[in-house]
C-alpha atoms as a PDB file:
ATOM      1  CA  MET A   1     -51.975 -11.320 182.628  1.00  0.00           C
ATOM      2  CA  SER A   2     -53.161 -10.378 179.267  1.00  0.00           C
ATOM      3  CA  PHE A   3     -50.981  -8.645 176.631  1.00  0.00           C
ATOM      4  CA  SER A   4     -52.669  -7.240 173.705  1.00  0.00           C
ATOM      5  CA  ARG A   5     -51.347  -5.602 170.748  1.00  0.00           C
ATOM      6  CA  GLY A   6     -54.623  -3.799 169.609  1.00  0.00           C
ATOM      7  CA  PRO A   7     -56.880  -5.013 166.751  1.00  0.00           C
ATOM      8  CA  LYS A   8     -55.191  -6.605 163.952  1.00  0.00           C
ATOM      9  CA  GLU A   9     -55.571  -4.922 160.242  1.00  0.00           C
ATOM     10  CA  PRO A  10     -56.700  -7.007 157.820  1.00  0.00           C
ATOM     11  CA  VAL A  11     -54.237  -8.035 155.424  1.00  0.00           C
ATOM     12  CA  GLN A  12     -54.752  -6.926 151.804  1.00  0.00           C
ATOM     13  CA  GLU A  13     -54.598  -9.747 149.354  1.00  0.00           C
ATOM     14  CA  VAL A  14     -53.460  -8.792 145.693  1.00  0.00           C
ATOM     15  CA  GLU A  15     -52.737 -10.621 142.534  1.00  0.00           C
ATOM     16  CA  THR A  16     -48.907 -10.932 142.326  1.00  0.00           C
ATOM     17  CA  ASN A  17     -46.603 -12.559 139.651  1.00  0.00           C
ATOM     18  CA  VAL A  18     -44.843 -15.074 141.031  1.00  0.00           C
ATOM     19  CA  TRP A  19     -42.371 -18.079 139.890  1.00  0.00           C
ATOM     20  CA  SER A  20     -43.621 -21.270 140.598  1.00  0.00           C
ATOM     21  CA  CYS A  21     -41.738 -25.024 140.608  1.00  0.00           C
ATOM     22  CA  THR A  22     -42.643 -27.236 137.837  1.00  0.00           C
ATOM     23  CA  SER A  23     -41.972 -30.405 139.953  1.00  0.00           C
ATOM     24  CA  GLY A  24     -44.859 -32.086 141.037  1.00  0.00           C
ATOM     25  CA  ASP A  25     -43.430 -33.238 144.068  1.00  0.00           C
ATOM     26  CA  CYS A  26     -42.375 -29.550 145.231  1.00  0.00           C
ATOM     27  CA  GLN A  27     -44.641 -26.599 146.221  1.00  0.00           C
ATOM     28  CA  GLY A  28     -41.715 -24.177 145.876  1.00  0.00           C
ATOM     29  CA  TRP A  29     -42.335 -20.640 144.582  1.00  0.00           C
ATOM     30  CA  MET A  30     -41.132 -16.949 144.949  1.00  0.00           C
ATOM     31  CA  ARG A  31     -42.385 -13.430 144.398  1.00  0.00           C
ATOM     32  CA  GLU A  32     -41.345 -12.190 140.936  1.00  0.00           C
ATOM     33  CA  SER A  33     -39.824  -9.200 142.293  1.00  0.00           C
ATOM     34  CA  PHE A  34     -37.431 -11.303 144.813  1.00  0.00           C
ATOM     35  CA  SER A  35     -35.935 -13.287 142.074  1.00  0.00           C
ATOM     36  CA  PHE A  36     -32.252 -11.858 140.867  1.00  0.00           C
ATOM     37  CA  GLU A  37     -32.555 -14.256 137.817  1.00  0.00           C
ATOM     38  CA  GLU A  38     -34.397 -13.927 134.467  1.00  0.00           C
ATOM     39  CA  GLU A  39     -35.463 -17.455 134.642  1.00  0.00           C
ATOM     40  CA  PRO A  40     -34.723 -18.862 138.130  1.00  0.00           C
ATOM     41  CA  THR A  41     -34.365 -22.546 139.206  1.00  0.00           C
ATOM     42  CA  CYS A  42     -36.238 -23.529 142.395  1.00  0.00           C
ATOM     43  CA  PRO A  43     -34.117 -23.036 145.493  1.00  0.00           C
ATOM     44  CA  LEU A  44     -35.920 -26.270 147.239  1.00  0.00           C
ATOM     45  CA  CYS A  45     -35.319 -28.709 144.606  1.00  0.00           C
ATOM     46  CA  ASP A  46     -33.390 -27.094 141.597  1.00  0.00           C
ATOM     47  CA  SER A  47     -36.098 -27.772 139.143  1.00  0.00           C
ATOM     48  CA  SER A  48     -37.129 -25.251 136.467  1.00  0.00           C
ATOM     49  CA  MET A  49     -39.775 -22.713 137.401  1.00  0.00           C
ATOM     50  CA  GLU A  50     -42.708 -21.179 135.454  1.00  0.00           C
ATOM     51  CA  LYS A  51     -44.561 -17.540 135.817  1.00  0.00           C
ATOM     52  CA  GLU A  52     -47.863 -17.361 137.099  1.00  0.00           C
ATOM     53  CA  VAL A  53     -50.212 -15.002 139.131  1.00  0.00           C
ATOM     54  CA  ARG A  54     -51.231 -15.735 142.686  1.00  0.00           C
ATOM     55  CA  VAL A  55     -53.558 -13.939 144.991  1.00  0.00           C
ATOM     56  CA  ILE A  56     -51.296 -13.426 147.925  1.00  0.00           C
ATOM     57  CA  PRO A  57     -50.887 -11.268 150.990  1.00  0.00           C
ATOM     58  CA  GLU A  58     -49.534  -7.657 149.993  1.00  0.00           C
ATOM     59  CA  MET A  59     -46.102  -6.740 151.278  1.00  0.00           C
ATOM     60  CA  LYS A  60     -45.588  -3.207 152.417  1.00  0.00           C
ATOM     61  CA  LYS A  61     -42.708  -1.341 151.375  1.00  0.00           C
END
């Protein structure tokens, strides 16, 4: 028996402002729009974070 959800739509990738962890041992990052602080700390290792732009999948509202 086979289940099909039909053809999948290609995911649009867009340039997005993100916060990226400054620790070399951590790969943590978050979308800027998901941050509640003006200058957040990394939720994984508690290091400082810096702004950068990444090309990532667009989130539908």
